[in-house]
Structure formats: C-alpha cells, structure tokens
C-alpha cells in the first residue's frame, strides 16, 4: 500500500459560548482548524486534524500547519501509511521539529491502519478499558462570580471535573479559585490552570492563598524550572502541561517529583504514535494523565477518544470533548458526550467520515 495523495482543508470552528479566554488576556473567538486527508493506491482513505490554540499558546499556528504539510507532504508520497514507525522516521528526517505539522498526517494514517485491519484505533493503541471514560470542562476566564455560576450549567451536562482558567492577577485568581471551590459538590475535582501565566512570586502567592482549598495546580509558570520551584512550595496536587513536550522532559519531571498528573496533547507531541509512547511511559511509571490536544472539532475529538479509551482507567485523570465546545460539525460518527463521559467508536479506524460539504476545497493538494 502506498500514499498517493495528501490534502489539507481549512475549517473555521466558532465557539458555542462566543469566545475562549485564558492567561495573559489571550482569547480566541473562531478556531482555525486543518483537516488532513491521506489517500492510498488501494482505495483506503484516512483523516486527521490539527487545530492550534491561536498563534500565542504553543509554538504552532494554523497557517503553519498547512505550509508545513506542503513542505513535508511530497516526501511521503509513495510511503506505506500502515508502517507508522517508519512513516514517523521519514517525517522527522524530512522536516526537523514542527511536531504539530506531522500530527494530522500521523492521525490519518492510524485511521487507515484501523480500516485496513478492520479494528478501531483504540484496539490498535492497546485495547478498550471500560465502557467509557471521564471528561473535564474548561471554564473560560471571567470574574470569580461568573466562573462560579458556570459550574451549575456544566454539572447539568454531566461534568464532574472542572478546569478553571487562571494565570492573571494573583488576588483575582485566588478569588476565582475560592468562588468556584465553594460551589462544588462532593466528589467533584477542581483544577486551577494558569497556562504558564504567573511569575514565580505570583504563583507563590496563589498557592499560599489557597492553601486550605482542595485544588490541583496546573502549569503555573512558563518554564519547567519555575514550575518545579512552585511545586516545592506547595502540597497541592500538581499538573504539568505546556513544558512537557518530549520524552526526555517527561522522564526528568518524574525523576524530579515535579508532577502528580501530566497533560499530553496529541499535536504538541507530533501525533498518536508519539503520544502513545508518552502515554505508555506514564503507564509504566504510574503517572496519571489528561489526554487531549490544543483544540479541534470532531476528528480531533475522535483521536482523543481512542487514545483515552485505550488507557488504563485508574491512570486516566480526564480527557476532552472539544466537539461539544464548537458550533460546526466536520465529520459524521464522531463520539459525543453522554453525562460527562465519552466512548470511542467501535467501527474500524477512527470511526468518522468527514463532511466534505463543510471541508470545501483543499488548501494544499499533493499527489
């Protein structure tokens, strides 16, 4: 089997709630997503998706995905899409770095491998654990009272884990954490995610100010070393995200006792192949995980679902249902949230079929 065509489509994904806001005054109203289509000489076709959180979150941006695919794609025509290890080796040789560019291609090839083998991707990634898995809901940054008010509505949708967007003024963030904590019900979990937004002295103030609150602290500062310093100042459970983007950092963080949970984003690591490596390492080390991506729609959500459903339940802290945040559906068969939980498709591959009327004409078309 050989790759005969790689195409990339641009799709805008508006948000149900109008905008998404996080640390440093950053916000997005409409997400710019790239859907990747990989075709083969045997008729099998696979799809992937990459959707950066704007151009100011991670070293990634939407136009860069498509420009990168135009640069990388010609090197992959004629390759076997079912040889995932070899394919990733080829991608890394042809384009140094830029893991987010490779992610959609890798996901699409997993979709093809599943269809060729007649198995869902989660089976190929390790097997299906349980009937479904737990989701979290991100609460966009607003005033303390507004963020607390959001909890009741999200609870009605079945969510029991809430990720509070902080990383601003320390006094306001302390008030945000206290306000949301006050409305939680027994058994619910609260994460205060600063998205690298605090300086060390600000992070120190916040963790001291919420010392008596049951809350997870996520990625308080920009660098790994700054986060480690904050970790050593608090006994709150601690989550790392943005600063862990490779296996070396993951092993270092475990050796330094720098985290209790790690957030693994598929495109940050370069696709399902490399995220599975990180996931399996975490399983071996006994490190709990949130499995997700920077953002996305139906196809990203399907990829997350297969990765999460193939992860031991006790080590899966949470996952994300991005397609419930946006107003546009890009694929049929995508998994849907049910009472705050989700299940991966049992159909071969990712179990989705793109809505070509939504995708329109390709921005990049290589053959």
Protein backbone atom coordinates (compact mmCIF):
# COMPACT_ATOMS: atom_id res chain seq x y z
CA UNK A 1 0.00 0.00 0.00
CA UNK A 2 1.26 3.48 -0.89
CA UNK A 3 0.21 7.04 -0.17
CA UNK A 4 -0.95 8.65 -3.42
CA UNK A 5 -2.43 11.95 -2.20
CA UNK A 6 -2.27 14.24 0.81
CA UNK A 7 -4.75 17.11 1.05
CA UNK A 8 -5.32 19.75 3.73
CA UNK A 9 -8.58 21.65 4.26
CA UNK A 10 -9.20 24.78 6.33
CA UNK A 11 -12.33 24.86 8.52
CA UNK A 12 -13.42 27.60 10.91
CA UNK A 13 -14.81 26.41 14.25
CA UNK A 14 -16.82 29.11 16.09
CA UNK A 15 -17.40 28.59 19.80
CA UNK A 16 -20.79 27.94 21.37
CA UNK A 17 -20.03 30.42 24.14
CA UNK A 18 -18.68 33.09 21.80
CA UNK A 19 -15.08 33.17 22.99
CA UNK A 20 -12.47 31.29 24.99
CA UNK A 21 -10.20 33.27 27.33
CA UNK A 22 -7.15 32.25 29.32
CA UNK A 23 -4.00 33.71 30.90
CA UNK A 24 -2.37 36.93 29.79
CA UNK A 25 -5.53 38.31 28.20
CA UNK A 26 -5.35 35.78 25.37
CA UNK A 27 -8.60 34.79 23.69
CA UNK A 28 -9.99 33.11 20.57
CA UNK A 29 -13.47 33.51 19.05
CA UNK A 30 -13.13 31.24 16.00
CA UNK A 31 -10.63 28.41 15.76
CA UNK A 32 -8.75 27.81 12.51
CA UNK A 33 -8.58 24.03 12.07
CA UNK A 34 -6.81 21.96 9.41
CA UNK A 35 -8.33 18.64 8.31
CA UNK A 36 -5.81 16.30 6.69
CA UNK A 37 -6.83 13.66 4.14
CA UNK A 38 -4.46 10.83 3.16
CA UNK A 39 -5.40 8.64 0.16
CA UNK A 40 -3.82 5.37 -0.95
CA UNK A 41 -3.46 3.29 -4.10
CA UNK A 42 -5.77 0.62 -2.60
CA UNK A 43 -8.69 2.97 -2.01
CA UNK A 44 -8.27 3.30 1.75
CA UNK A 45 -8.53 6.88 2.99
CA UNK A 46 -7.76 8.34 6.42
CA UNK A 47 -8.32 11.68 8.11
CA UNK A 48 -6.65 13.68 10.86
CA UNK A 49 -6.97 17.16 12.34
CA UNK A 50 -4.69 19.84 13.80
CA UNK A 51 -6.07 22.95 15.48
CA UNK A 52 -3.59 25.20 17.33
CA UNK A 53 -4.92 27.38 20.14
CA UNK A 54 -4.16 30.55 18.20
CA UNK A 55 -0.57 31.50 17.45
CA UNK A 56 0.31 32.56 21.00
CA UNK A 57 -0.12 29.40 23.05
CA UNK A 58 2.38 26.77 21.88
CA UNK A 59 4.99 27.02 19.09
CA UNK A 60 2.32 26.31 16.47
CA UNK A 61 -0.06 28.29 14.28
CA UNK A 62 -2.80 27.39 11.82
CA UNK A 63 -1.17 28.62 8.61
CA UNK A 64 2.00 26.85 9.72
CA UNK A 65 0.18 23.51 9.69
CA UNK A 66 -0.74 23.90 6.05
CA UNK A 67 2.59 25.38 4.99
CA UNK A 68 4.34 22.53 6.78
CA UNK A 69 2.22 19.91 5.07
CA UNK A 70 3.02 21.48 1.69
CA UNK A 71 6.73 21.19 2.57
CA UNK A 72 6.58 17.72 4.11
CA UNK A 73 3.94 16.00 2.00
CA UNK A 74 5.96 15.38 -1.18
CA UNK A 75 8.45 13.32 0.85
CA UNK A 76 5.62 10.98 1.93
CA UNK A 77 4.01 10.21 -1.43
CA UNK A 78 4.77 6.55 -2.13
CA UNK A 79 5.26 5.62 1.54
CA UNK A 80 3.21 2.91 3.26
CA UNK A 81 0.77 4.63 5.66
CA UNK A 82 0.37 1.49 7.78
CA UNK A 83 4.06 1.47 8.75
CA UNK A 84 3.63 4.11 11.44
CA UNK A 85 7.10 3.89 12.99
CA UNK A 86 8.82 4.12 9.61
CA UNK A 87 6.50 6.89 8.50
CA UNK A 88 7.33 8.99 11.56
CA UNK A 89 11.01 8.34 10.97
CA UNK A 90 10.60 9.64 7.41
CA UNK A 91 8.72 12.72 8.61
CA UNK A 92 11.36 13.58 11.18
CA UNK A 93 14.11 13.17 8.59
CA UNK A 94 12.33 15.35 6.04
CA UNK A 95 11.25 18.13 8.44
CA UNK A 96 13.16 18.83 11.64
CA UNK A 97 10.94 19.80 14.55
CA UNK A 98 7.45 21.19 13.92
CA UNK A 99 5.66 18.21 15.53
CA UNK A 100 2.25 19.82 15.12
CA UNK A 101 2.66 19.73 11.32
CA UNK A 102 3.11 15.95 11.43
CA UNK A 103 0.26 15.23 13.83
CA UNK A 104 -2.64 15.32 11.35
CA UNK A 105 -0.81 13.08 8.89
CA UNK A 106 0.01 10.58 11.63
CA UNK A 107 -3.61 10.51 12.87
CA UNK A 108 -4.88 9.99 9.31
CA UNK A 109 -2.52 7.03 8.87
CA UNK A 110 -3.77 5.46 12.12
CA UNK A 111 -7.26 5.86 10.67
CA UNK A 112 -6.10 3.99 7.55
CA UNK A 113 -4.40 1.25 9.62
CA UNK A 114 -7.63 0.70 11.53
CA UNK A 115 -9.67 0.44 8.35
CA UNK A 116 -7.17 -1.96 6.74
CA UNK A 117 -7.13 -4.20 9.82
CA UNK A 118 -10.87 -3.89 10.45
CA UNK A 119 -10.23 -2.66 14.02
CA UNK A 120 -10.95 0.57 15.89
CA UNK A 121 -7.86 2.66 16.59
CA UNK A 122 -8.24 2.18 20.36
CA UNK A 123 -7.76 -1.56 19.92
CA UNK A 124 -4.56 -0.92 17.97
CA UNK A 125 -3.39 1.53 20.65
CA UNK A 126 -3.67 -1.07 23.40
CA UNK A 127 -7.27 -2.14 23.91
CA UNK A 128 -10.51 -0.73 25.26
CA UNK A 129 -10.62 -0.10 29.03
CA UNK A 130 -14.13 0.07 30.44
CA UNK A 131 -17.35 1.21 28.82
CA UNK A 132 -16.42 4.89 28.63
CA UNK A 133 -14.11 7.48 30.21
CA UNK A 134 -14.34 10.72 32.18
CA UNK A 135 -14.24 14.22 30.69
CA UNK A 136 -13.40 17.60 32.14
CA UNK A 137 -14.86 21.01 31.32
CA UNK A 138 -12.70 24.10 30.90
CA UNK A 139 -14.14 27.29 32.42
CA UNK A 140 -13.07 30.30 30.36
CA UNK A 141 -11.52 33.17 32.30
CA UNK A 142 -14.05 35.67 33.66
CA UNK A 143 -14.82 37.28 37.00
CA UNK A 144 -14.88 34.98 40.06
CA UNK A 145 -18.69 35.07 40.32
CA UNK A 146 -19.22 34.46 36.60
CA UNK A 147 -16.90 31.46 36.65
CA UNK A 148 -18.63 30.03 39.70
CA UNK A 149 -22.00 30.44 38.01
CA UNK A 150 -20.82 28.34 35.06
CA UNK A 151 -20.38 25.25 37.25
CA UNK A 152 -24.10 24.56 37.67
CA UNK A 153 -24.69 24.52 33.91
CA UNK A 154 -21.72 22.27 33.25
CA UNK A 155 -22.76 19.98 36.09
CA UNK A 156 -26.16 19.62 34.43
CA UNK A 157 -24.30 18.37 31.35
CA UNK A 158 -22.69 15.66 33.46
CA UNK A 159 -19.25 17.14 34.09
CA UNK A 160 -17.67 16.48 37.48
CA UNK A 161 -14.17 17.78 36.73
CA UNK A 162 -13.62 21.47 36.13
CA UNK A 163 -10.53 23.21 34.77
CA UNK A 164 -10.54 26.81 35.90
CA UNK A 165 -8.62 29.23 33.66
CA UNK A 166 -6.47 31.43 35.89
CA UNK A 167 -2.96 32.87 35.37
CA UNK A 168 -3.85 36.53 35.80
CA UNK A 169 -3.75 38.87 38.77
CA UNK A 170 -2.95 36.73 41.84
CA UNK A 171 -5.62 38.32 44.06
CA UNK A 172 -8.27 37.82 41.38
CA UNK A 173 -7.12 34.26 40.76
CA UNK A 174 -7.30 33.43 44.47
CA UNK A 175 -10.86 34.79 44.45
CA UNK A 176 -11.68 32.72 41.34
CA UNK A 177 -10.44 29.52 42.93
CA UNK A 178 -12.29 30.20 46.19
CA UNK A 179 -15.54 31.13 44.43
CA UNK A 180 -15.61 28.01 42.26
CA UNK A 181 -14.49 25.73 45.09
CA UNK A 182 -17.37 27.00 47.22
CA UNK A 183 -19.99 25.72 44.75
CA UNK A 184 -18.50 22.28 44.13
CA UNK A 185 -20.35 19.14 45.18
CA UNK A 186 -18.76 16.13 46.91
CA UNK A 187 -16.67 14.05 44.51
CA UNK A 188 -16.05 16.86 42.03
CA UNK A 189 -12.50 17.90 41.17
CA UNK A 190 -11.15 21.39 40.55
CA UNK A 191 -8.02 22.26 38.54
CA UNK A 192 -6.59 25.80 38.53
CA UNK A 193 -4.82 26.03 35.17
CA UNK A 194 -2.56 29.08 34.85
CA UNK A 195 -1.37 28.16 31.34
CA UNK A 196 2.14 29.49 32.18
CA UNK A 197 0.63 32.86 33.21
CA UNK A 198 2.21 33.52 36.62
CA UNK A 199 5.68 34.66 37.51
CA UNK A 200 7.22 32.66 40.36
CA UNK A 201 6.40 35.24 43.04
CA UNK A 202 2.79 35.37 41.81
CA UNK A 203 2.49 31.58 41.80
CA UNK A 204 3.90 31.52 45.34
CA UNK A 205 1.22 33.96 46.48
CA UNK A 206 -1.58 31.99 44.87
CA UNK A 207 -0.64 28.57 46.26
CA UNK A 208 -0.24 30.14 49.70
CA UNK A 209 -3.59 31.96 49.34
CA UNK A 210 -5.49 28.75 48.52
CA UNK A 211 -3.56 26.52 50.92
CA UNK A 212 -6.74 25.18 52.55
CA UNK A 213 -8.65 24.53 49.28
CA UNK A 214 -8.78 21.15 47.55
CA UNK A 215 -7.47 22.17 44.13
CA UNK A 216 -4.96 20.90 41.57
CA UNK A 217 -2.40 23.47 40.36
CA UNK A 218 -1.62 23.20 36.64
CA UNK A 219 1.37 24.72 34.79
CA UNK A 220 1.71 27.86 36.92
CA UNK A 221 4.80 29.30 35.16
CA UNK A 222 6.41 29.35 31.74
CA UNK A 223 9.48 27.17 32.27
CA UNK A 224 9.87 23.73 33.75
CA UNK A 225 12.32 25.05 36.36
CA UNK A 226 9.89 27.75 37.52
CA UNK A 227 7.09 25.19 37.81
CA UNK A 228 9.36 22.88 39.80
CA UNK A 229 10.12 25.73 42.20
CA UNK A 230 6.39 26.33 42.72
CA UNK A 231 5.80 22.60 43.15
CA UNK A 232 8.28 22.55 46.01
CA UNK A 233 6.42 25.40 47.72
CA UNK A 234 3.05 23.63 47.91
CA UNK A 235 1.47 20.33 48.86
CA UNK A 236 -1.35 20.75 46.32
CA UNK A 237 -1.51 18.02 43.66
CA UNK A 238 0.41 19.33 40.67
CA UNK A 239 -0.12 19.06 36.90
CA UNK A 240 2.40 19.84 34.16
CA UNK A 241 1.32 20.61 30.60
CA UNK A 242 2.98 23.11 28.26
CA UNK A 243 6.54 22.49 29.47
CA UNK A 244 6.41 18.73 28.83
CA UNK A 245 6.73 18.24 25.08
CA UNK A 246 9.05 15.24 24.76
CA UNK A 247 10.01 12.00 26.49
CA UNK A 248 13.18 13.47 27.99
CA UNK A 249 11.19 16.13 29.83
CA UNK A 250 8.63 13.56 30.91
CA UNK A 251 11.31 11.33 32.45
CA UNK A 252 13.04 14.31 34.05
CA UNK A 253 9.78 15.52 35.60
CA UNK A 254 9.12 12.08 37.04
CA UNK A 255 12.64 11.86 38.46
CA UNK A 256 12.31 15.34 40.00
CA UNK A 257 8.88 14.50 41.51
CA UNK A 258 7.68 17.58 39.62
CA UNK A 259 4.13 16.41 38.93
CA UNK A 260 1.30 14.16 40.00
CA UNK A 261 -0.52 14.40 36.66
CA UNK A 262 0.71 15.29 33.17
CA UNK A 263 -1.32 16.72 30.31
CA UNK A 264 -0.43 15.08 26.99
CA UNK A 265 -1.57 16.93 23.87
CA UNK A 266 -1.50 14.95 20.65
CA UNK A 267 -0.28 17.69 18.29
CA UNK A 268 2.25 19.01 20.83
CA UNK A 269 3.99 15.63 20.70
CA UNK A 270 3.55 15.06 16.96
CA UNK A 271 0.61 12.67 16.60
CA UNK A 272 -0.86 9.50 18.05
CA UNK A 273 2.33 7.47 17.51
CA UNK A 274 4.48 9.64 19.75
CA UNK A 275 1.71 10.43 22.22
CA UNK A 276 1.17 6.70 22.66
CA UNK A 277 4.88 6.38 23.52
CA UNK A 278 4.49 9.08 26.17
CA UNK A 279 1.24 7.52 27.40
CA UNK A 280 2.80 4.08 27.72
CA UNK A 281 5.78 5.53 29.58
CA UNK A 282 3.39 7.21 32.02
CA UNK A 283 1.57 3.91 32.49
CA UNK A 284 4.88 2.21 33.32
CA UNK A 285 5.79 5.00 35.75
CA UNK A 286 2.34 5.16 37.34
CA UNK A 287 1.76 8.79 36.34
CA UNK A 288 -1.86 9.88 35.82
CA UNK A 289 -2.71 11.72 32.61
CA UNK A 290 -5.11 14.12 30.97
CA UNK A 291 -5.26 13.22 27.28
CA UNK A 292 -6.32 15.86 24.78
CA UNK A 293 -4.99 18.29 22.17
CA UNK A 294 -4.61 22.05 21.80
CA UNK A 295 -8.09 22.32 20.27
CA UNK A 296 -10.16 20.83 17.46
CA UNK A 297 -13.50 19.50 16.32
CA UNK A 298 -14.97 16.09 15.53
CA UNK A 299 -11.83 14.42 14.17
CA UNK A 300 -9.55 15.63 16.97
CA UNK A 301 -12.19 14.51 19.47
CA UNK A 302 -12.29 11.06 17.85
CA UNK A 303 -8.50 10.74 18.08
CA UNK A 304 -8.56 11.79 21.74
CA UNK A 305 -11.34 9.30 22.43
CA UNK A 306 -9.38 6.36 21.02
CA UNK A 307 -6.25 7.34 22.94
CA UNK A 308 -8.17 7.85 26.18
CA UNK A 309 -10.24 4.68 25.86
CA UNK A 310 -7.06 2.63 25.36
CA UNK A 311 -5.55 3.98 28.60
CA UNK A 312 -5.94 2.17 31.95
CA UNK A 313 -8.89 3.80 33.72
CA UNK A 314 -7.10 4.40 37.00
CA UNK A 315 -4.35 6.38 35.22
CA UNK A 316 -6.69 8.49 33.08
CA UNK A 317 -7.31 11.68 35.06
CA UNK A 318 -9.54 13.11 32.31
CA UNK A 319 -9.95 13.79 28.60
CA UNK A 320 -11.60 16.44 26.44
CA UNK A 321 -14.67 16.58 24.19
CA UNK A 322 -13.72 19.56 22.02
CA UNK A 323 -16.55 18.96 19.54
CA UNK A 324 -19.08 19.98 22.21
CA UNK A 325 -17.44 23.43 22.51
CA UNK A 326 -17.89 24.40 18.84
CA UNK A 327 -20.83 25.07 16.53
CA UNK A 328 -19.61 23.30 13.37
CA UNK A 329 -19.56 19.53 12.86
CA UNK A 330 -16.87 18.38 10.44
CA UNK A 331 -17.48 14.61 10.49
CA UNK A 332 -20.20 12.02 10.91
CA UNK A 333 -19.75 9.28 13.51
CA UNK A 334 -17.71 11.39 15.92
CA UNK A 335 -18.04 10.46 19.61
CA UNK A 336 -20.43 12.57 21.67
CA UNK A 337 -20.51 13.43 25.35
CA UNK A 338 -23.06 11.50 27.41
CA UNK A 339 -23.48 12.64 31.02
CA UNK A 340 -19.93 13.98 31.24
CA UNK A 341 -18.37 10.89 29.75
CA UNK A 342 -17.43 9.62 26.29
CA UNK A 343 -16.67 6.39 24.43
CA UNK A 344 -14.54 5.75 21.35
CA UNK A 345 -16.20 4.36 18.25
CA UNK A 346 -16.21 0.58 17.74
CA UNK A 347 -16.04 1.00 13.94
CA UNK A 348 -12.75 0.40 12.09
CA UNK A 349 -10.27 3.27 12.19
CA UNK A 350 -11.36 6.45 13.93
CA UNK A 351 -14.97 5.66 13.08
CA UNK A 352 -15.63 9.01 11.37
CA UNK A 353 -16.44 10.19 7.89
CA UNK A 354 -15.73 13.85 7.08
CA UNK A 355 -18.49 16.14 5.87
CA UNK A 356 -16.90 17.14 2.56
CA UNK A 357 -19.52 19.88 2.08
CA UNK A 358 -18.13 21.50 5.23
CA UNK A 359 -14.49 20.97 4.27
CA UNK A 360 -14.86 22.52 0.81
CA UNK A 361 -11.84 22.65 -1.49
CA UNK A 362 -8.36 21.76 -0.24
CA UNK A 363 -5.84 24.48 0.57
CA UNK A 364 -2.99 22.02 -0.02
CA UNK A 365 -3.30 19.18 -2.55
CA UNK A 366 -0.31 16.91 -3.18
CA UNK A 367 -0.12 13.80 -5.34
